[in-house]
């Protein structure tokens, strides 16, 4: 069966290395998806491309990521969370480009652009990682590690968690500790998808309580964003606005045109509307709409929702 890989990268850069990478993958029987076509057609095209892929390579250089790249990263992570045992993600750092915390892992490959003689070896490593189970390379039996990570997602607070961590062998303990916040965050997001709002709030509150300065701002923003959405769904607009303010603080370093900023502004606008703060709600929704119109297709469902909400508050 032909395997398909999606390559996320900054457009029109690092072409020489990318050509070497694509050429090797195609010789090994991989079909390489063209990310430029999805960028032109928006989020839905990106999701469709990723749904047909068995893995993704995320190439990160030294430049700040564009809004399009951030959108790709977000969808790649969602795709992996949706099928964690069947979708491999290989982050590739070019010239020590900084890998976002939520993409870091044992599968990371470092590529020095100034030393082309080393590229072939690194390209072969990328292909091996793509062909391996997503949990491979962590120093543990993959099935055992998955079972332990899944058990963490269902742990009660307090002593049960402590016992699980203490009883784990050293490698599992490290993996569980590194993935705990992400696991709780994903658990909350899954409860949201299942319309289990109170369970989502409980999981996301626990994830938020474990945030510290070593957690990437984007991961913190995602937790508070989902928490704000859960509060909105149960009618607690005040708590929603509080969570969304924390999400906005976490992404204050991002451009106003970043899609994550737009999504947070949209939810915040809905919360402000419920609180009767019409002027602030109108501004937040308008900002979200303006940014999203520059990224998504005219008839994209997300954009349609943003327009409708903006009209209702005007």
Protein backbone atom coordinates (compact mmCIF):
# COMPACT_ATOMS: atom_id res chain seq x y z
CA UNK A 1 0.00 0.00 0.00
CA UNK A 2 1.31 3.44 -0.93
CA UNK A 3 2.14 5.66 2.03
CA UNK A 4 1.46 9.37 1.88
CA UNK A 5 3.30 12.12 3.74
CA UNK A 6 2.43 15.78 4.24
CA UNK A 7 5.38 18.20 4.42
CA UNK A 8 4.81 21.46 6.28
CA UNK A 9 7.38 24.16 5.54
CA UNK A 10 7.79 27.83 4.85
CA UNK A 11 6.92 28.47 1.22
CA UNK A 12 9.72 29.04 -1.30
CA UNK A 13 12.54 28.46 1.21
CA UNK A 14 14.97 25.61 1.87
CA UNK A 15 14.13 24.32 -1.61
CA UNK A 16 17.40 22.43 -2.11
CA UNK A 17 17.06 20.37 1.06
CA UNK A 18 13.34 19.79 0.46
CA UNK A 19 14.10 18.47 -3.06
CA UNK A 20 16.61 15.98 -1.62
CA UNK A 21 14.05 14.92 1.01
CA UNK A 22 11.19 14.53 -1.48
CA UNK A 23 13.39 12.65 -3.95
CA UNK A 24 14.44 10.12 -1.30
CA UNK A 25 10.89 9.60 -0.06
CA UNK A 26 9.56 9.05 -3.56
CA UNK A 27 12.29 6.47 -4.23
CA UNK A 28 11.19 4.69 -1.05
CA UNK A 29 7.60 4.53 -2.33
CA UNK A 30 6.11 7.52 -0.53
CA UNK A 31 3.62 9.89 -2.13
CA UNK A 32 4.46 13.47 -1.12
CA UNK A 33 1.53 15.87 -0.78
CA UNK A 34 1.99 19.38 -2.13
CA UNK A 35 1.28 21.77 0.76
CA UNK A 36 1.02 24.83 -1.49
CA UNK A 37 -2.26 23.57 -2.95
CA UNK A 38 -3.85 23.27 0.49
CA UNK A 39 -2.65 26.75 1.45
CA UNK A 40 -4.53 28.18 -1.50
CA UNK A 41 -7.75 26.35 -0.65
CA UNK A 42 -7.84 26.85 3.12
CA UNK A 43 -8.39 24.82 6.28
CA UNK A 44 -10.79 22.27 4.80
CA UNK A 45 -8.35 21.35 2.03
CA UNK A 46 -5.59 21.02 4.63
CA UNK A 47 -7.70 18.69 6.77
CA UNK A 48 -8.62 16.58 3.75
CA UNK A 49 -4.96 16.26 2.78
CA UNK A 50 -3.94 15.25 6.30
CA UNK A 51 -6.79 12.75 6.57
CA UNK A 52 -5.31 10.83 3.64
CA UNK A 53 -1.73 11.00 4.97
CA UNK A 54 -0.02 8.41 7.15
CA UNK A 55 2.50 10.90 8.49
CA UNK A 56 3.76 14.47 8.44
CA UNK A 57 7.15 16.16 8.34
CA UNK A 58 7.19 19.59 9.98
CA UNK A 59 10.20 21.58 8.76
CA UNK A 60 11.14 24.48 11.03
CA UNK A 61 13.77 27.05 10.14
CA UNK A 62 15.22 29.97 12.04
CA UNK A 63 12.59 32.48 10.84
CA UNK A 64 9.39 33.13 12.78
CA UNK A 65 6.54 30.93 11.50
CA UNK A 66 3.93 32.47 9.24
CA UNK A 67 0.19 32.31 10.09
CA UNK A 68 -0.16 29.64 7.39
CA UNK A 69 2.54 27.53 9.05
CA UNK A 70 0.89 27.88 12.46
CA UNK A 71 -2.38 26.72 10.94
CA UNK A 72 -0.61 23.69 9.44
CA UNK A 73 1.05 22.86 12.77
CA UNK A 74 -2.28 23.06 14.57
CA UNK A 75 -3.98 20.74 12.07
CA UNK A 76 -1.04 18.30 12.09
CA UNK A 77 -1.25 18.03 15.90
CA UNK A 78 -5.04 17.58 15.75
CA UNK A 79 -4.59 14.84 13.13
CA UNK A 80 -2.07 13.03 15.34
CA UNK A 81 -4.24 13.35 18.45
CA UNK A 82 -7.16 11.95 16.49
CA UNK A 83 -5.19 8.80 15.55
CA UNK A 84 -2.14 8.68 17.84
CA UNK A 85 -1.16 5.12 16.90
CA UNK A 86 -1.46 5.53 13.14
CA UNK A 87 0.00 8.94 12.27
CA UNK A 88 3.71 9.75 12.69
CA UNK A 89 4.96 13.31 13.01
CA UNK A 90 8.65 14.07 12.46
CA UNK A 91 9.77 17.61 13.38
CA UNK A 92 12.85 18.70 11.42
CA UNK A 93 14.96 21.58 12.76
CA UNK A 94 17.03 23.38 10.12
CA UNK A 95 20.09 25.18 11.47
CA UNK A 96 18.84 24.81 15.06
CA UNK A 97 15.41 26.27 14.32
CA UNK A 98 13.39 26.23 17.55
CA UNK A 99 10.88 23.37 17.71
CA UNK A 100 7.63 24.39 19.45
CA UNK A 101 7.12 22.59 22.77
CA UNK A 102 4.00 20.79 21.55
CA UNK A 103 5.96 19.26 18.65
CA UNK A 104 9.06 18.24 20.58
CA UNK A 105 9.82 14.57 21.02
CA UNK A 106 12.34 11.81 20.39
CA UNK A 107 11.56 11.85 16.66
CA UNK A 108 13.10 15.32 16.15
CA UNK A 109 15.79 15.48 13.44
CA UNK A 110 18.44 18.23 13.27
CA UNK A 111 19.70 19.24 9.81
CA UNK A 112 22.66 21.63 9.28
CA UNK A 113 21.90 23.42 6.01
CA UNK A 114 25.54 24.42 5.60
CA UNK A 115 26.69 20.78 5.45
CA UNK A 116 24.94 19.12 2.47
CA UNK A 117 27.17 16.04 2.86
CA UNK A 118 25.17 15.19 6.00
CA UNK A 119 21.74 15.58 4.43
CA UNK A 120 21.38 12.08 3.04
CA UNK A 121 21.94 10.49 6.44
CA UNK A 122 19.38 12.76 8.08
CA UNK A 123 16.89 12.18 5.25
CA UNK A 124 17.21 8.42 5.76
CA UNK A 125 16.57 8.95 9.48
CA UNK A 126 13.42 10.96 8.69
CA UNK A 127 12.13 8.16 6.47
CA UNK A 128 12.82 5.53 9.16
CA UNK A 129 10.95 7.59 11.76
CA UNK A 130 8.00 8.04 9.41
CA UNK A 131 7.85 4.28 8.90
CA UNK A 132 7.97 3.54 12.64
CA UNK A 133 5.01 3.49 15.05
CA UNK A 134 4.48 6.97 16.55
CA UNK A 135 5.57 5.81 20.01
CA UNK A 136 8.83 4.28 18.74
CA UNK A 137 12.18 5.62 19.91
CA UNK A 138 11.11 6.50 23.48
CA UNK A 139 13.14 3.71 25.03
CA UNK A 140 10.03 1.67 25.92
CA UNK A 141 7.89 -1.00 24.39
CA UNK A 142 5.39 1.08 22.38
CA UNK A 143 2.32 -0.80 23.61
CA UNK A 144 3.42 -0.53 27.24
CA UNK A 145 4.01 3.20 26.94
CA UNK A 146 0.66 3.82 25.26
CA UNK A 147 -1.12 1.88 28.01
CA UNK A 148 0.56 3.98 30.69
CA UNK A 149 -0.14 7.27 28.96
CA UNK A 150 -3.77 6.25 28.48
CA UNK A 151 -4.02 5.34 32.17
CA UNK A 152 -2.74 8.79 33.10
CA UNK A 153 -5.62 10.35 31.16
CA UNK A 154 -8.08 8.61 33.51
CA UNK A 155 -6.28 9.11 36.82
CA UNK A 156 -8.00 10.86 39.70
CA UNK A 157 -6.22 13.80 41.30
CA UNK A 158 -3.78 13.29 44.16
CA UNK A 159 -2.42 9.96 45.49
CA UNK A 160 -3.44 7.85 42.49
CA UNK A 161 -1.31 9.98 40.19
CA UNK A 162 1.58 9.85 42.62
CA UNK A 163 1.41 6.04 42.83
CA UNK A 164 1.33 5.72 39.04
CA UNK A 165 4.40 7.92 38.61
CA UNK A 166 6.34 6.22 41.41
CA UNK A 167 5.57 2.72 40.15
CA UNK A 168 6.62 3.52 36.57
CA UNK A 169 10.12 2.69 35.41
CA UNK A 170 12.38 5.68 34.85
CA UNK A 171 11.85 6.02 31.09
CA UNK A 172 8.06 5.74 31.41
CA UNK A 173 8.10 8.24 34.26
CA UNK A 174 9.91 10.78 32.08
CA UNK A 175 7.54 10.23 29.17
CA UNK A 176 4.44 10.45 31.37
CA UNK A 177 5.66 13.61 33.10
CA UNK A 178 6.41 15.29 29.78
CA UNK A 179 3.05 14.35 28.31
CA UNK A 180 0.76 14.84 31.32
CA UNK A 181 -0.38 18.38 30.53
CA UNK A 182 -0.87 17.52 26.86
CA UNK A 183 -2.77 14.33 27.80
CA UNK A 184 -5.11 16.21 30.13
CA UNK A 185 -5.55 18.92 27.50
CA UNK A 186 -6.47 16.36 24.86
CA UNK A 187 -8.80 14.60 27.29
CA UNK A 188 -10.63 17.90 27.81
CA UNK A 189 -10.79 18.54 24.06
CA UNK A 190 -12.26 15.06 23.48
CA UNK A 191 -14.93 15.68 26.13
CA UNK A 192 -15.76 18.91 24.32
CA UNK A 193 -16.17 17.03 21.04
CA UNK A 194 -18.50 14.58 22.82
CA UNK A 195 -20.48 17.49 24.30
CA UNK A 196 -19.49 16.46 27.84
CA UNK A 197 -18.90 19.99 29.06
CA UNK A 198 -18.48 19.41 32.79
CA UNK A 199 -15.97 16.61 32.22
CA UNK A 200 -14.13 18.88 29.79
CA UNK A 201 -14.01 21.67 32.37
CA UNK A 202 -12.66 19.29 35.01
CA UNK A 203 -9.87 17.95 32.75
CA UNK A 204 -8.91 21.37 31.42
CA UNK A 205 -8.89 22.94 34.88
CA UNK A 206 -6.51 20.19 35.99
CA UNK A 207 -4.32 20.79 32.93
CA UNK A 208 -4.29 24.53 33.66
CA UNK A 209 -3.31 23.89 37.28
CA UNK A 210 -0.21 22.02 36.09
CA UNK A 211 1.01 24.74 33.72
CA UNK A 212 4.39 26.25 34.53
CA UNK A 213 6.89 28.47 32.79
CA UNK A 214 8.38 25.50 30.93
CA UNK A 215 5.10 24.87 29.11
CA UNK A 216 4.96 26.45 25.65
CA UNK A 217 2.68 29.52 25.46
CA UNK A 218 0.76 28.01 22.55
CA UNK A 219 -0.08 24.93 24.60
CA UNK A 220 -1.25 27.08 27.51
CA UNK A 221 -3.34 29.16 25.10
CA UNK A 222 -4.96 26.02 23.69
CA UNK A 223 -5.94 24.85 27.19
CA UNK A 224 -7.47 28.19 28.18
CA UNK A 225 -9.17 28.54 24.79
CA UNK A 226 -10.90 25.17 25.16
CA UNK A 227 -11.73 25.92 28.79
CA UNK A 228 -13.35 29.19 27.71
CA UNK A 229 -15.39 27.30 25.12
CA UNK A 230 -16.55 24.77 27.72
CA UNK A 231 -17.60 27.52 30.12
CA UNK A 232 -19.53 29.21 27.31
CA UNK A 233 -21.33 25.96 26.54
CA UNK A 234 -22.61 25.68 30.13
CA UNK A 235 -23.65 29.34 30.24
CA UNK A 236 -20.88 30.69 32.49
CA UNK A 237 -19.84 33.69 30.38
CA UNK A 238 -17.87 35.31 33.22
CA UNK A 239 -15.64 32.25 33.72
CA UNK A 240 -15.33 31.95 29.94
CA UNK A 241 -14.12 35.53 29.62
CA UNK A 242 -11.58 34.93 32.41
CA UNK A 243 -10.16 31.84 30.72
CA UNK A 244 -10.02 33.56 27.34
CA UNK A 245 -8.16 36.54 28.81
CA UNK A 246 -5.48 34.08 29.97
CA UNK A 247 -5.41 32.57 26.48
CA UNK A 248 -4.88 36.04 24.99
CA UNK A 249 -2.03 36.75 27.40
CA UNK A 250 -0.37 33.47 26.39
CA UNK A 251 -0.34 34.49 22.72
CA UNK A 252 0.44 38.18 23.12
CA UNK A 253 3.69 37.59 21.23
CA UNK A 254 1.81 36.48 18.11
CA UNK A 255 0.77 38.70 15.24
CA UNK A 256 -2.78 40.04 15.31
CA UNK A 257 -3.21 38.18 12.01
CA UNK A 258 -2.41 34.80 13.52
CA UNK A 259 -5.33 32.32 13.24
CA UNK A 260 -5.03 31.32 16.90
CA UNK A 261 -5.42 34.93 17.96
CA UNK A 262 -8.51 35.15 15.75
CA UNK A 263 -10.08 32.04 17.27
CA UNK A 264 -9.53 33.34 20.81
CA UNK A 265 -10.93 36.77 19.88
CA UNK A 266 -14.02 35.11 18.44
CA UNK A 267 -14.77 33.10 21.58
CA UNK A 268 -14.02 36.14 23.73
CA UNK A 269 -16.46 38.17 21.64
CA UNK A 270 -19.18 35.60 22.30
CA UNK A 271 -18.49 35.72 26.05
CA UNK A 272 -18.53 39.54 26.10
CA UNK A 273 -21.80 39.53 24.19
CA UNK A 274 -23.38 37.28 26.84
CA UNK A 275 -22.10 39.65 29.54
CA UNK A 276 -23.80 42.58 27.82
CA UNK A 277 -20.53 44.28 26.86
CA UNK A 278 -21.68 44.97 23.33
CA UNK A 279 -19.00 47.43 22.24
CA UNK A 280 -16.13 45.18 23.35
CA UNK A 281 -17.87 42.14 21.87
CA UNK A 282 -18.28 43.89 18.52
CA UNK A 283 -14.58 44.79 18.43
CA UNK A 284 -13.42 41.28 19.37
CA UNK A 285 -15.68 39.63 16.78
CA UNK A 286 -14.70 42.18 14.14
CA UNK A 287 -11.00 41.56 14.74
CA UNK A 288 -11.53 37.81 14.46
CA UNK A 289 -13.49 38.19 11.23
CA UNK A 290 -10.93 40.48 9.61
CA UNK A 291 -8.07 38.10 10.31
CA UNK A 292 -9.98 35.01 9.24
CA UNK A 293 -11.14 36.54 5.95
CA UNK A 294 -7.47 36.87 4.96
CA UNK A 295 -6.80 33.16 5.61
CA UNK A 296 -9.86 31.06 4.80
CA UNK A 297 -12.02 30.51 1.74
CA UNK A 298 -15.08 32.73 1.38
CA UNK A 299 -17.48 29.83 2.07
CA UNK A 300 -15.43 28.12 4.78
CA UNK A 301 -17.81 27.09 7.65
CA UNK A 302 -15.63 28.82 10.25
CA UNK A 303 -15.76 32.08 8.33
CA UNK A 304 -19.51 31.78 7.88
CA UNK A 305 -19.92 31.41 11.66
CA UNK A 306 -17.71 34.44 12.32
CA UNK A 307 -19.75 36.59 9.92
CA UNK A 308 -23.04 35.51 11.48
CA UNK A 309 -21.85 36.27 15.02
CA UNK A 310 -20.53 39.68 13.97
CA UNK A 311 -23.84 40.58 12.33
CA UNK A 312 -25.81 39.53 15.40
CA UNK A 313 -23.87 41.84 17.70
CA UNK A 314 -23.89 44.83 15.33
